[in-house]
N, C-alpha and C. Protein backbone atom coordinates (compact mmCIF):
# COMPACT_ATOMS: atom_id res chain seq x y z
N MET A 1 0.82 -1.21 0.00
CA MET A 1 0.00 0.00 0.00
C MET A 1 0.86 1.26 0.00
N LEU A 2 1.99 1.22 0.71
CA LEU A 2 2.88 2.37 0.78
C LEU A 2 3.44 2.72 -0.60
N TYR A 3 3.83 1.69 -1.35
CA TYR A 3 4.36 1.91 -2.70
C TYR A 3 3.29 2.52 -3.61
N ARG A 4 2.09 1.99 -3.51
CA ARG A 4 0.99 2.48 -4.36
C ARG A 4 0.67 3.94 -4.03
N THR A 5 0.64 4.25 -2.75
CA THR A 5 0.39 5.63 -2.34
C THR A 5 1.50 6.55 -2.83
N GLY A 6 2.75 6.06 -2.76
CA GLY A 6 3.88 6.84 -3.23
C GLY A 6 3.78 7.16 -4.70
N CYS A 7 3.34 6.19 -5.49
CA CYS A 7 3.16 6.42 -6.93
C CYS A 7 2.12 7.50 -7.19
N ILE A 8 1.00 7.39 -6.49
CA ILE A 8 -0.09 8.34 -6.70
C ILE A 8 0.34 9.75 -6.30
N LEU A 9 1.03 9.88 -5.17
CA LEU A 9 1.47 11.20 -4.73
C LEU A 9 2.51 11.80 -5.67
N THR A 10 3.42 10.96 -6.16
CA THR A 10 4.42 11.43 -7.12
C THR A 10 3.74 11.95 -8.38
N GLY A 11 2.78 11.18 -8.87
CA GLY A 11 2.04 11.60 -10.05
C GLY A 11 1.23 12.86 -9.81
N TYR A 12 0.61 12.95 -8.63
CA TYR A 12 -0.23 14.11 -8.33
C TYR A 12 0.59 15.40 -8.34
N LEU A 13 1.75 15.37 -7.71
CA LEU A 13 2.59 16.57 -7.66
C LEU A 13 2.99 17.02 -9.06
N CYS A 14 3.31 16.07 -9.93
CA CYS A 14 3.67 16.43 -11.32
C CYS A 14 2.45 16.92 -12.09
N GLY A 15 1.32 16.27 -11.84
CA GLY A 15 0.10 16.64 -12.55
C GLY A 15 -0.41 18.03 -12.22
N CYS A 16 -0.05 18.52 -11.03
CA CYS A 16 -0.52 19.84 -10.60
C CYS A 16 0.08 20.97 -11.43
N PHE A 17 1.15 20.67 -12.18
CA PHE A 17 1.70 21.69 -13.08
C PHE A 17 0.81 21.76 -14.32
N LEU A 18 0.06 22.86 -14.46
CA LEU A 18 -0.82 23.03 -15.60
C LEU A 18 -0.06 23.73 -16.73
N THR A 19 0.32 22.96 -17.73
CA THR A 19 1.09 23.51 -18.84
C THR A 19 0.33 24.64 -19.53
N ALA A 20 -0.98 24.46 -19.68
CA ALA A 20 -1.79 25.47 -20.36
C ALA A 20 -1.77 26.80 -19.62
N GLU A 21 -1.72 26.73 -18.30
CA GLU A 21 -1.68 27.95 -17.50
C GLU A 21 -0.37 28.71 -17.75
N ALA A 22 0.73 27.97 -17.75
CA ALA A 22 2.03 28.59 -17.99
C ALA A 22 2.10 29.18 -19.40
N VAL A 23 1.62 28.44 -20.39
CA VAL A 23 1.65 28.91 -21.77
C VAL A 23 0.76 30.14 -21.94
N SER A 24 -0.42 30.10 -21.35
CA SER A 24 -1.36 31.21 -21.47
C SER A 24 -0.80 32.49 -20.87
N ARG A 25 -0.19 32.37 -19.72
CA ARG A 25 0.37 33.57 -19.07
C ARG A 25 1.55 34.12 -19.86
N HIS A 26 2.29 33.21 -20.50
CA HIS A 26 3.43 33.67 -21.31
C HIS A 26 2.97 34.29 -22.62
N ALA A 27 2.02 33.63 -23.30
CA ALA A 27 1.62 34.06 -24.64
C ALA A 27 0.56 35.16 -24.63
N ALA A 28 -0.33 35.11 -23.65
CA ALA A 28 -1.45 36.07 -23.64
C ALA A 28 -1.42 37.01 -22.45
N GLY A 29 -0.56 36.71 -21.48
CA GLY A 29 -0.47 37.58 -20.31
C GLY A 29 -1.62 37.44 -19.34
N LYS A 30 -2.36 36.35 -19.43
CA LYS A 30 -3.47 36.13 -18.50
C LYS A 30 -3.70 34.64 -18.30
N SER A 31 -4.49 34.33 -17.28
CA SER A 31 -4.75 32.94 -16.93
C SER A 31 -5.54 32.23 -18.02
N ALA A 32 -5.31 30.93 -18.14
CA ALA A 32 -6.06 30.12 -19.10
C ALA A 32 -7.55 30.12 -18.77
N SER A 33 -7.90 30.33 -17.52
CA SER A 33 -9.30 30.36 -17.11
C SER A 33 -10.05 31.55 -17.71
N ARG A 34 -9.32 32.51 -18.24
CA ARG A 34 -9.93 33.70 -18.85
C ARG A 34 -9.91 33.65 -20.37
N LEU A 35 -9.53 32.50 -20.90
CA LEU A 35 -9.50 32.33 -22.35
C LEU A 35 -10.57 31.33 -22.79
N GLY A 36 -11.34 31.69 -23.80
CA GLY A 36 -12.28 30.76 -24.40
C GLY A 36 -13.19 30.07 -23.40
N THR A 37 -13.10 28.74 -23.37
CA THR A 37 -13.93 27.94 -22.47
C THR A 37 -13.43 27.98 -21.03
N GLY A 38 -12.21 28.47 -20.85
CA GLY A 38 -11.63 28.50 -19.50
C GLY A 38 -10.95 27.22 -19.10
N ASN A 39 -10.99 26.22 -19.98
CA ASN A 39 -10.36 24.94 -19.65
C ASN A 39 -8.85 25.00 -19.93
N PRO A 40 -8.02 24.66 -18.95
CA PRO A 40 -6.57 24.68 -19.15
C PRO A 40 -6.07 23.44 -19.88
N GLY A 41 -6.44 23.35 -21.15
CA GLY A 41 -6.06 22.18 -21.94
C GLY A 41 -5.65 22.59 -23.34
N MET A 42 -5.16 21.62 -24.10
CA MET A 42 -4.64 21.87 -25.43
C MET A 42 -5.69 22.46 -26.37
N ALA A 43 -6.89 21.88 -26.38
CA ALA A 43 -7.92 22.30 -27.34
C ALA A 43 -8.27 23.78 -27.16
N ASN A 44 -8.45 24.20 -25.92
CA ASN A 44 -8.81 25.59 -25.67
C ASN A 44 -7.68 26.54 -26.04
N ILE A 45 -6.46 26.19 -25.65
CA ILE A 45 -5.32 27.05 -25.97
C ILE A 45 -5.09 27.12 -27.47
N MET A 46 -5.23 25.99 -28.15
CA MET A 46 -5.04 25.99 -29.60
C MET A 46 -6.09 26.85 -30.29
N ALA A 47 -7.33 26.77 -29.81
CA ALA A 47 -8.42 27.55 -30.41
C ALA A 47 -8.23 29.05 -30.18
N GLN A 48 -7.69 29.40 -29.03
CA GLN A 48 -7.60 30.82 -28.67
C GLN A 48 -6.26 31.46 -29.05
N LEU A 49 -5.18 30.71 -28.97
CA LEU A 49 -3.86 31.29 -29.18
C LEU A 49 -3.13 30.79 -30.42
N GLY A 50 -3.61 29.68 -30.98
CA GLY A 50 -2.98 29.19 -32.20
C GLY A 50 -2.39 27.80 -32.06
N PHE A 51 -2.06 27.25 -33.22
CA PHE A 51 -1.62 25.85 -33.31
C PHE A 51 -0.36 25.57 -32.51
N LYS A 52 0.66 26.42 -32.66
CA LYS A 52 1.94 26.13 -32.00
C LYS A 52 1.83 26.16 -30.49
N TRP A 53 1.01 27.06 -29.94
CA TRP A 53 0.84 27.11 -28.49
C TRP A 53 0.06 25.90 -28.00
N GLY A 54 -0.89 25.44 -28.80
CA GLY A 54 -1.62 24.23 -28.44
C GLY A 54 -0.71 23.02 -28.41
N LEU A 55 0.18 22.92 -29.40
CA LEU A 55 1.13 21.81 -29.43
C LEU A 55 2.08 21.86 -28.24
N LEU A 56 2.46 23.07 -27.83
CA LEU A 56 3.34 23.22 -26.67
C LEU A 56 2.65 22.72 -25.41
N VAL A 57 1.37 23.01 -25.28
CA VAL A 57 0.60 22.51 -24.13
C VAL A 57 0.54 20.99 -24.16
N LEU A 58 0.28 20.43 -25.33
CA LEU A 58 0.22 18.98 -25.46
C LEU A 58 1.55 18.34 -25.07
N ALA A 59 2.65 18.91 -25.57
CA ALA A 59 3.97 18.37 -25.26
C ALA A 59 4.24 18.41 -23.76
N GLY A 60 3.89 19.52 -23.13
CA GLY A 60 4.09 19.64 -21.69
C GLY A 60 3.28 18.64 -20.90
N ASP A 61 2.02 18.44 -21.30
CA ASP A 61 1.16 17.49 -20.59
C ASP A 61 1.65 16.05 -20.76
N LEU A 62 2.16 15.75 -21.95
CA LEU A 62 2.69 14.40 -22.18
C LEU A 62 3.95 14.16 -21.36
N LEU A 63 4.82 15.17 -21.29
CA LEU A 63 6.06 15.02 -20.53
C LEU A 63 5.81 14.92 -19.03
N LYS A 64 4.85 15.69 -18.54
CA LYS A 64 4.59 15.64 -17.10
C LYS A 64 3.92 14.32 -16.71
N THR A 65 3.41 13.60 -17.68
CA THR A 65 2.89 12.26 -17.44
C THR A 65 3.99 11.22 -17.56
N LEU A 66 4.81 11.35 -18.59
CA LEU A 66 5.89 10.40 -18.84
C LEU A 66 6.87 10.35 -17.67
N PHE A 67 7.24 11.52 -17.16
CA PHE A 67 8.27 11.58 -16.12
C PHE A 67 7.90 10.78 -14.86
N PRO A 68 6.77 11.05 -14.20
CA PRO A 68 6.47 10.29 -12.98
C PRO A 68 6.16 8.81 -13.24
N CYS A 69 5.56 8.52 -14.39
CA CYS A 69 5.25 7.12 -14.70
C CYS A 69 6.53 6.29 -14.83
N MET A 70 7.50 6.81 -15.55
CA MET A 70 8.76 6.09 -15.72
C MET A 70 9.58 6.10 -14.43
N LEU A 71 9.52 7.20 -13.70
CA LEU A 71 10.24 7.29 -12.44
C LEU A 71 9.75 6.25 -11.45
N CYS A 72 8.43 6.13 -11.33
CA CYS A 72 7.86 5.15 -10.40
C CYS A 72 8.08 3.72 -10.89
N ARG A 73 7.97 3.52 -12.20
CA ARG A 73 8.08 2.17 -12.76
C ARG A 73 9.49 1.59 -12.60
N PHE A 74 10.51 2.41 -12.84
CA PHE A 74 11.86 1.86 -12.92
C PHE A 74 12.79 2.27 -11.77
N LEU A 75 12.49 3.35 -11.07
CA LEU A 75 13.41 3.81 -10.03
C LEU A 75 12.82 3.77 -8.62
N LEU A 76 11.65 4.36 -8.44
CA LEU A 76 11.11 4.49 -7.08
C LEU A 76 10.40 3.24 -6.58
N PHE A 77 9.52 2.68 -7.40
CA PHE A 77 8.69 1.57 -6.95
C PHE A 77 8.63 0.44 -7.98
N PRO A 78 9.80 -0.09 -8.37
CA PRO A 78 9.82 -1.14 -9.40
C PRO A 78 9.13 -2.43 -8.97
N ARG A 79 8.96 -2.65 -7.65
CA ARG A 79 8.30 -3.86 -7.19
C ARG A 79 6.85 -3.96 -7.64
N LEU A 80 6.25 -2.83 -7.93
CA LEU A 80 4.87 -2.84 -8.41
C LEU A 80 4.76 -3.30 -9.85
N GLY A 81 5.89 -3.35 -10.52
CA GLY A 81 5.88 -3.76 -11.92
C GLY A 81 5.18 -2.75 -12.80
N ARG A 82 4.55 -3.26 -13.84
CA ARG A 82 3.89 -2.40 -14.83
C ARG A 82 2.79 -1.54 -14.22
N ASN A 83 2.14 -2.03 -13.17
CA ASN A 83 1.03 -1.27 -12.58
C ASN A 83 1.47 0.03 -11.93
N ALA A 84 2.77 0.17 -11.66
CA ALA A 84 3.28 1.44 -11.14
C ALA A 84 2.94 2.58 -12.09
N VAL A 85 2.92 2.28 -13.37
CA VAL A 85 2.58 3.29 -14.37
C VAL A 85 1.15 3.78 -14.18
N LEU A 86 0.23 2.86 -13.94
CA LEU A 86 -1.17 3.25 -13.79
C LEU A 86 -1.40 4.00 -12.48
N TYR A 87 -0.75 3.56 -11.41
CA TYR A 87 -0.90 4.29 -10.15
C TYR A 87 -0.39 5.73 -10.30
N ALA A 88 0.79 5.88 -10.92
CA ALA A 88 1.33 7.21 -11.14
C ALA A 88 0.44 8.02 -12.08
N GLY A 89 -0.07 7.36 -13.11
CA GLY A 89 -0.95 8.03 -14.07
C GLY A 89 -2.24 8.52 -13.44
N ILE A 90 -2.78 7.74 -12.52
CA ILE A 90 -3.97 8.17 -11.79
C ILE A 90 -3.65 9.44 -10.99
N GLY A 91 -2.46 9.45 -10.38
CA GLY A 91 -2.04 10.63 -9.65
C GLY A 91 -1.90 11.85 -10.55
N VAL A 92 -1.30 11.66 -11.73
CA VAL A 92 -1.13 12.77 -12.67
C VAL A 92 -2.50 13.31 -13.10
N ALA A 93 -3.41 12.41 -13.43
CA ALA A 93 -4.75 12.84 -13.84
C ALA A 93 -5.46 13.60 -12.72
N ALA A 94 -5.29 13.11 -11.48
CA ALA A 94 -5.91 13.79 -10.33
C ALA A 94 -5.31 15.18 -10.14
N GLY A 95 -3.98 15.28 -10.27
CA GLY A 95 -3.33 16.58 -10.14
C GLY A 95 -3.71 17.54 -11.24
N HIS A 96 -3.81 17.02 -12.46
CA HIS A 96 -4.20 17.85 -13.61
C HIS A 96 -5.65 18.32 -13.48
N ASN A 97 -6.52 17.43 -13.05
CA ASN A 97 -7.95 17.76 -12.95
C ASN A 97 -8.27 18.59 -11.71
N PHE A 98 -7.54 18.33 -10.62
CA PHE A 98 -7.84 18.98 -9.34
C PHE A 98 -6.56 19.49 -8.66
N PRO A 99 -5.88 20.47 -9.25
CA PRO A 99 -4.65 20.99 -8.65
C PRO A 99 -4.94 21.74 -7.35
N PHE A 100 -4.20 21.41 -6.30
CA PHE A 100 -4.46 22.00 -5.00
C PHE A 100 -4.26 23.50 -4.99
N TRP A 101 -3.33 24.00 -5.78
CA TRP A 101 -2.97 25.43 -5.76
C TRP A 101 -3.99 26.31 -6.49
N ASN A 102 -4.88 25.69 -7.27
CA ASN A 102 -5.85 26.44 -8.05
C ASN A 102 -7.27 26.15 -7.60
N ARG A 103 -7.42 25.98 -6.29
CA ARG A 103 -8.73 25.65 -5.70
C ARG A 103 -9.35 24.41 -6.34
N PHE A 104 -8.47 23.47 -6.70
CA PHE A 104 -8.85 22.17 -7.27
C PHE A 104 -9.63 22.30 -8.58
N ARG A 105 -9.33 23.37 -9.32
CA ARG A 105 -9.95 23.58 -10.62
C ARG A 105 -8.88 23.41 -11.70
N GLY A 106 -9.01 22.35 -12.48
CA GLY A 106 -8.01 22.06 -13.49
C GLY A 106 -8.62 21.68 -14.82
N GLY A 107 -7.89 20.86 -15.55
CA GLY A 107 -8.33 20.46 -16.87
C GLY A 107 -9.19 19.20 -16.85
N LYS A 108 -9.30 18.56 -18.01
CA LYS A 108 -10.14 17.38 -18.15
C LYS A 108 -9.36 16.08 -18.28
N GLY A 109 -8.05 16.18 -18.37
CA GLY A 109 -7.21 14.99 -18.28
C GLY A 109 -7.15 14.09 -19.49
N VAL A 110 -7.50 14.59 -20.66
CA VAL A 110 -7.52 13.72 -21.85
C VAL A 110 -6.10 13.30 -22.25
N ALA A 111 -5.21 14.27 -22.40
CA ALA A 111 -3.85 13.97 -22.85
C ALA A 111 -3.11 13.10 -21.83
N VAL A 112 -3.25 13.41 -20.55
CA VAL A 112 -2.52 12.64 -19.53
C VAL A 112 -3.05 11.22 -19.44
N THR A 113 -4.35 11.04 -19.63
CA THR A 113 -4.92 9.69 -19.61
C THR A 113 -4.43 8.88 -20.81
N CYS A 114 -4.45 9.50 -21.98
CA CYS A 114 -3.97 8.82 -23.19
C CYS A 114 -2.51 8.41 -23.03
N MET A 115 -1.70 9.31 -22.51
CA MET A 115 -0.28 9.03 -22.34
C MET A 115 -0.06 7.91 -21.34
N THR A 116 -0.83 7.90 -20.26
CA THR A 116 -0.71 6.84 -19.27
C THR A 116 -1.00 5.48 -19.88
N LEU A 117 -2.08 5.39 -20.64
CA LEU A 117 -2.46 4.12 -21.26
C LEU A 117 -1.41 3.67 -22.27
N PHE A 118 -0.85 4.64 -23.01
CA PHE A 118 0.17 4.30 -24.00
C PHE A 118 1.45 3.80 -23.34
N ILE A 119 1.86 4.45 -22.25
CA ILE A 119 3.08 4.02 -21.55
C ILE A 119 2.88 2.63 -20.97
N PHE A 120 1.71 2.39 -20.40
CA PHE A 120 1.43 1.08 -19.79
C PHE A 120 1.40 -0.02 -20.85
N SER A 121 0.69 0.24 -21.95
CA SER A 121 0.57 -0.76 -23.01
C SER A 121 0.57 -0.05 -24.36
N PRO A 122 1.74 0.10 -25.00
CA PRO A 122 1.80 0.84 -26.27
C PRO A 122 0.80 0.33 -27.31
N GLY A 123 0.63 -0.97 -27.39
CA GLY A 123 -0.28 -1.52 -28.39
C GLY A 123 -1.73 -1.21 -28.12
N PHE A 124 -2.24 -1.67 -26.98
CA PHE A 124 -3.65 -1.46 -26.64
C PHE A 124 -3.94 0.01 -26.34
N GLY A 125 -2.97 0.70 -25.76
CA GLY A 125 -3.15 2.12 -25.49
C GLY A 125 -3.31 2.93 -26.76
N LEU A 126 -2.43 2.67 -27.73
CA LEU A 126 -2.51 3.37 -29.01
C LEU A 126 -3.80 3.02 -29.73
N LEU A 127 -4.19 1.75 -29.69
CA LEU A 127 -5.42 1.34 -30.36
C LEU A 127 -6.63 2.05 -29.78
N SER A 128 -6.68 2.16 -28.46
CA SER A 128 -7.80 2.86 -27.81
C SER A 128 -7.84 4.32 -28.23
N CYS A 129 -6.66 4.94 -28.31
CA CYS A 129 -6.59 6.36 -28.70
C CYS A 129 -7.01 6.55 -30.15
N VAL A 130 -6.58 5.65 -31.01
CA VAL A 130 -6.94 5.74 -32.43
C VAL A 130 -8.44 5.58 -32.62
N LEU A 131 -9.03 4.59 -31.94
CA LEU A 131 -10.48 4.38 -32.05
C LEU A 131 -11.25 5.57 -31.48
N GLY A 132 -10.74 6.12 -30.38
CA GLY A 132 -11.37 7.31 -29.83
C GLY A 132 -11.29 8.48 -30.79
N GLY A 133 -10.15 8.61 -31.48
CA GLY A 133 -9.99 9.67 -32.48
C GLY A 133 -10.93 9.49 -33.65
N CYS A 134 -11.13 8.24 -34.05
CA CYS A 134 -12.08 7.95 -35.14
C CYS A 134 -13.49 8.35 -34.74
N LEU A 135 -13.84 8.11 -33.48
CA LEU A 135 -15.16 8.49 -32.98
C LEU A 135 -15.34 10.01 -33.00
N VAL A 136 -14.27 10.73 -32.71
CA VAL A 136 -14.32 12.20 -32.78
C VAL A 136 -14.63 12.64 -34.21
N LEU A 137 -13.96 12.02 -35.18
CA LEU A 137 -14.18 12.38 -36.58
C LEU A 137 -15.60 12.08 -37.02
N LEU A 138 -16.14 10.96 -36.55
CA LEU A 138 -17.49 10.54 -36.96
C LEU A 138 -18.58 11.36 -36.27
N SER A 139 -18.38 11.62 -34.98
CA SER A 139 -19.42 12.30 -34.20
C SER A 139 -19.22 13.81 -34.15
N LYS A 140 -18.01 14.26 -34.51
CA LYS A 140 -17.63 15.68 -34.40
C LYS A 140 -17.71 16.16 -32.95
N SER A 141 -17.52 15.24 -32.03
CA SER A 141 -17.59 15.57 -30.60
C SER A 141 -16.32 15.12 -29.89
N LEU A 142 -15.56 16.07 -29.36
CA LEU A 142 -14.37 15.74 -28.59
C LEU A 142 -14.75 15.00 -27.32
N THR A 143 -15.91 15.31 -26.77
CA THR A 143 -16.37 14.68 -25.53
C THR A 143 -16.55 13.18 -25.70
N LEU A 144 -17.21 12.76 -26.76
CA LEU A 144 -17.44 11.33 -26.99
C LEU A 144 -16.13 10.59 -27.18
N GLY A 145 -15.23 11.17 -27.94
CA GLY A 145 -13.94 10.53 -28.16
C GLY A 145 -13.15 10.39 -26.88
N ALA A 146 -13.15 11.45 -26.06
CA ALA A 146 -12.40 11.42 -24.80
C ALA A 146 -12.95 10.37 -23.85
N MET A 147 -14.26 10.25 -23.78
CA MET A 147 -14.89 9.27 -22.89
C MET A 147 -14.63 7.85 -23.38
N ALA A 148 -14.58 7.68 -24.70
CA ALA A 148 -14.45 6.34 -25.26
C ALA A 148 -13.07 5.74 -25.02
N ILE A 149 -12.03 6.57 -25.01
CA ILE A 149 -10.66 6.06 -24.95
C ILE A 149 -10.39 5.17 -23.73
N PRO A 150 -10.63 5.64 -22.49
CA PRO A 150 -10.38 4.75 -21.35
C PRO A 150 -11.38 3.60 -21.26
N LEU A 151 -12.60 3.81 -21.78
CA LEU A 151 -13.59 2.72 -21.75
C LEU A 151 -13.16 1.59 -22.68
N LEU A 152 -12.62 1.92 -23.84
CA LEU A 152 -12.16 0.91 -24.77
C LEU A 152 -10.98 0.11 -24.20
N PHE A 153 -10.22 0.74 -23.32
CA PHE A 153 -9.04 0.08 -22.75
C PHE A 153 -9.43 -0.93 -21.67
N LEU A 154 -10.65 -0.87 -21.17
CA LEU A 154 -11.05 -1.74 -20.06
C LEU A 154 -11.01 -3.23 -20.43
N LEU A 155 -11.42 -3.56 -21.64
CA LEU A 155 -11.44 -4.98 -22.04
C LEU A 155 -10.05 -5.62 -21.99
N PRO A 156 -9.05 -5.05 -22.68
CA PRO A 156 -7.72 -5.66 -22.55
C PRO A 156 -7.14 -5.53 -21.14
N ALA A 157 -7.52 -4.49 -20.42
CA ALA A 157 -7.00 -4.32 -19.06
C ALA A 157 -7.37 -5.51 -18.19
N PHE A 158 -8.63 -5.91 -18.23
CA PHE A 158 -9.09 -7.03 -17.41
C PHE A 158 -8.67 -8.38 -17.98
N THR A 159 -8.81 -8.55 -19.29
CA THR A 159 -8.59 -9.87 -19.88
C THR A 159 -7.12 -10.22 -20.08
N VAL A 160 -6.30 -9.20 -20.35
CA VAL A 160 -4.88 -9.46 -20.63
C VAL A 160 -4.00 -9.25 -19.41
N TYR A 161 -4.29 -8.21 -18.63
CA TYR A 161 -3.37 -7.82 -17.55
C TYR A 161 -3.87 -8.14 -16.14
N GLY A 162 -5.11 -8.51 -15.98
CA GLY A 162 -5.58 -8.93 -14.67
C GLY A 162 -6.46 -7.93 -13.94
N SER A 163 -6.98 -8.38 -12.79
CA SER A 163 -8.00 -7.62 -12.07
C SER A 163 -7.49 -6.29 -11.52
N GLU A 164 -6.26 -6.25 -10.97
CA GLU A 164 -5.76 -5.00 -10.42
C GLU A 164 -5.62 -3.95 -11.51
N THR A 165 -5.08 -4.35 -12.63
CA THR A 165 -4.97 -3.43 -13.77
C THR A 165 -6.34 -2.97 -14.22
N GLY A 166 -7.28 -3.90 -14.23
CA GLY A 166 -8.65 -3.56 -14.63
C GLY A 166 -9.28 -2.53 -13.71
N VAL A 167 -9.10 -2.70 -12.40
CA VAL A 167 -9.66 -1.75 -11.44
C VAL A 167 -9.02 -0.38 -11.60
N LEU A 168 -7.70 -0.35 -11.78
CA LEU A 168 -7.01 0.93 -11.98
C LEU A 168 -7.49 1.62 -13.26
N SER A 169 -7.73 0.85 -14.29
CA SER A 169 -8.23 1.40 -15.54
C SER A 169 -9.65 1.94 -15.36
N CYS A 170 -10.43 1.28 -14.51
CA CYS A 170 -11.78 1.76 -14.20
C CYS A 170 -11.72 3.12 -13.51
N ILE A 171 -10.74 3.29 -12.65
CA ILE A 171 -10.58 4.58 -11.95
C ILE A 171 -10.25 5.68 -12.95
N LEU A 172 -9.33 5.39 -13.87
CA LEU A 172 -9.01 6.38 -14.91
C LEU A 172 -10.24 6.71 -15.75
N ALA A 173 -11.01 5.68 -16.11
CA ALA A 173 -12.21 5.89 -16.91
C ALA A 173 -13.24 6.72 -16.13
N ALA A 174 -13.40 6.42 -14.83
CA ALA A 174 -14.35 7.16 -14.01
C ALA A 174 -13.98 8.63 -13.91
N MET A 175 -12.69 8.91 -13.79
CA MET A 175 -12.24 10.31 -13.72
C MET A 175 -12.54 11.03 -15.03
N MET A 176 -12.36 10.35 -16.14
CA MET A 176 -12.64 10.95 -17.44
C MET A 176 -14.15 11.19 -17.59
N LEU A 177 -14.95 10.21 -17.20
CA LEU A 177 -16.41 10.35 -17.32
C LEU A 177 -16.93 11.48 -16.44
N GLN A 178 -16.36 11.61 -15.25
CA GLN A 178 -16.80 12.66 -14.33
C GLN A 178 -16.55 14.04 -14.93
N LYS A 179 -15.40 14.22 -15.56
CA LYS A 179 -15.06 15.51 -16.14
C LYS A 179 -15.87 15.83 -17.40
N HIS A 180 -16.38 14.81 -18.07
CA HIS A 180 -17.09 15.03 -19.32
C HIS A 180 -18.58 14.75 -19.22
N PHE A 181 -19.08 14.53 -18.02
CA PHE A 181 -20.49 14.16 -17.85
C PHE A 181 -21.43 15.27 -18.34
N LEU A 182 -21.22 16.49 -17.89
CA LEU A 182 -22.10 17.60 -18.29
C LEU A 182 -22.02 17.90 -19.79
N PRO A 183 -20.80 17.94 -20.39
CA PRO A 183 -20.75 18.12 -21.85
C PRO A 183 -21.43 16.98 -22.60
N PHE A 184 -21.38 15.77 -22.03
CA PHE A 184 -22.05 14.63 -22.66
C PHE A 184 -23.57 14.82 -22.64
N LEU A 185 -24.10 15.32 -21.52
CA LEU A 185 -25.54 15.60 -21.45
C LEU A 185 -25.94 16.66 -22.46
N ASP A 186 -25.09 17.69 -22.60
CA ASP A 186 -25.36 18.73 -23.61
C ASP A 186 -25.39 18.12 -25.01
N TYR A 187 -24.46 17.19 -25.27
CA TYR A 187 -24.41 16.55 -26.58
C TYR A 187 -25.70 15.75 -26.84
N LEU A 188 -26.17 15.05 -25.83
CA LEU A 188 -27.40 14.27 -25.99
C LEU A 188 -28.61 15.15 -26.29
N HIS A 189 -28.58 16.36 -25.75
CA HIS A 189 -29.70 17.28 -25.97
C HIS A 189 -29.47 18.21 -27.17
N GLY A 190 -28.42 17.89 -27.95
CA GLY A 190 -28.15 18.67 -29.15
C GLY A 190 -27.55 20.04 -28.89
N LYS A 191 -27.01 20.25 -27.68
CA LYS A 191 -26.45 21.56 -27.33
C LYS A 191 -24.93 21.56 -27.32
N GLY A 192 -24.34 20.39 -27.46
CA GLY A 192 -22.89 20.30 -27.36
C GLY A 192 -22.19 20.94 -28.55
N THR A 193 -20.96 21.37 -28.31
CA THR A 193 -20.16 21.96 -29.39
C THR A 193 -19.64 20.86 -30.30
N LYS A 194 -19.84 21.04 -31.60
CA LYS A 194 -19.35 20.07 -32.58
C LYS A 194 -18.19 20.67 -33.36
N ILE A 195 -17.16 19.86 -33.55
CA ILE A 195 -15.97 20.31 -34.25
C ILE A 195 -15.69 19.37 -35.42
N ASP A 196 -15.71 19.92 -36.62
CA ASP A 196 -15.41 19.12 -37.81
C ASP A 196 -13.92 19.27 -38.10
N LEU A 197 -13.13 18.33 -37.59
CA LEU A 197 -11.68 18.41 -37.74
C LEU A 197 -11.23 18.28 -39.19
N ILE A 198 -11.95 17.47 -39.97
CA ILE A 198 -11.60 17.29 -41.37
C ILE A 198 -11.80 18.60 -42.13
N ALA A 199 -12.94 19.25 -41.88
CA ALA A 199 -13.22 20.52 -42.56
C ALA A 199 -12.21 21.58 -42.15
N LYS A 200 -11.81 21.57 -40.87
CA LYS A 200 -10.82 22.54 -40.41
C LYS A 200 -9.47 22.32 -41.10
N ALA A 201 -9.09 21.04 -41.22
CA ALA A 201 -7.81 20.73 -41.87
C ALA A 201 -7.84 21.15 -43.34
N GLN A 202 -8.96 20.90 -44.01
CA GLN A 202 -9.08 21.29 -45.41
C GLN A 202 -9.03 22.81 -45.56
N SER A 203 -9.64 23.51 -44.60
CA SER A 203 -9.62 24.97 -44.64
C SER A 203 -8.20 25.51 -44.47
N LYS A 204 -7.44 24.89 -43.55
CA LYS A 204 -6.05 25.29 -43.34
C LYS A 204 -5.22 25.09 -44.59
N LEU A 205 -5.46 23.96 -45.29
CA LEU A 205 -4.71 23.67 -46.51
C LEU A 205 -5.03 24.68 -47.59
N ARG A 206 -6.30 25.06 -47.70
CA ARG A 206 -6.68 26.05 -48.70
C ARG A 206 -6.06 27.41 -48.41
N GLU A 207 -5.96 27.76 -47.12
CA GLU A 207 -5.35 29.03 -46.73
C GLU A 207 -3.87 29.07 -47.11
N ARG A 208 -3.20 27.92 -46.95
CA ARG A 208 -1.78 27.86 -47.29
C ARG A 208 -1.54 27.98 -48.79
N LYS A 209 -2.49 27.46 -49.57
CA LYS A 209 -2.36 27.55 -51.03
C LYS A 209 -2.62 28.97 -51.52
């Protein structure tokens, strides 16, 4: 239990660094909470400040997930084996979603969850992310894609890696569902924001020509 708690705390401290907040203050001179939707995540920053700043947020969120996961897996708590990655990832997601320094108001944890699943299982993690991305393209809803990714990972988690991995994956999925529950209700009632990524990409290509 001590090792597991150590992984979660290590991940939480790293997760509390909101990359979007740092980027927003540098690029726009104000908090990410005052931009667009107010969500300190890649999508909001990219929409409000541009592509390169959005990519910078994504890179920061991926790195802040990679660091504690690998640290716990190979240096701090190797006895936990592969599951050390999931314990640390849960901590990162909790820190990202509920940072103590910002009155527990953070992001939605999509990038950190995807990175955690990929580090734990590159094959099944990537497959879940790709299928979730396909759902975004079909539904034009980032919310549906985000919710689907950890849910799709549950089957291999339980069947391939065992019950403890399955339970940890359920926790990650529950955190994602909690953050996207209200946007999902809006989507069901036809009020959710729809984003046509294909049309946006085509528009960008035409602008460059």
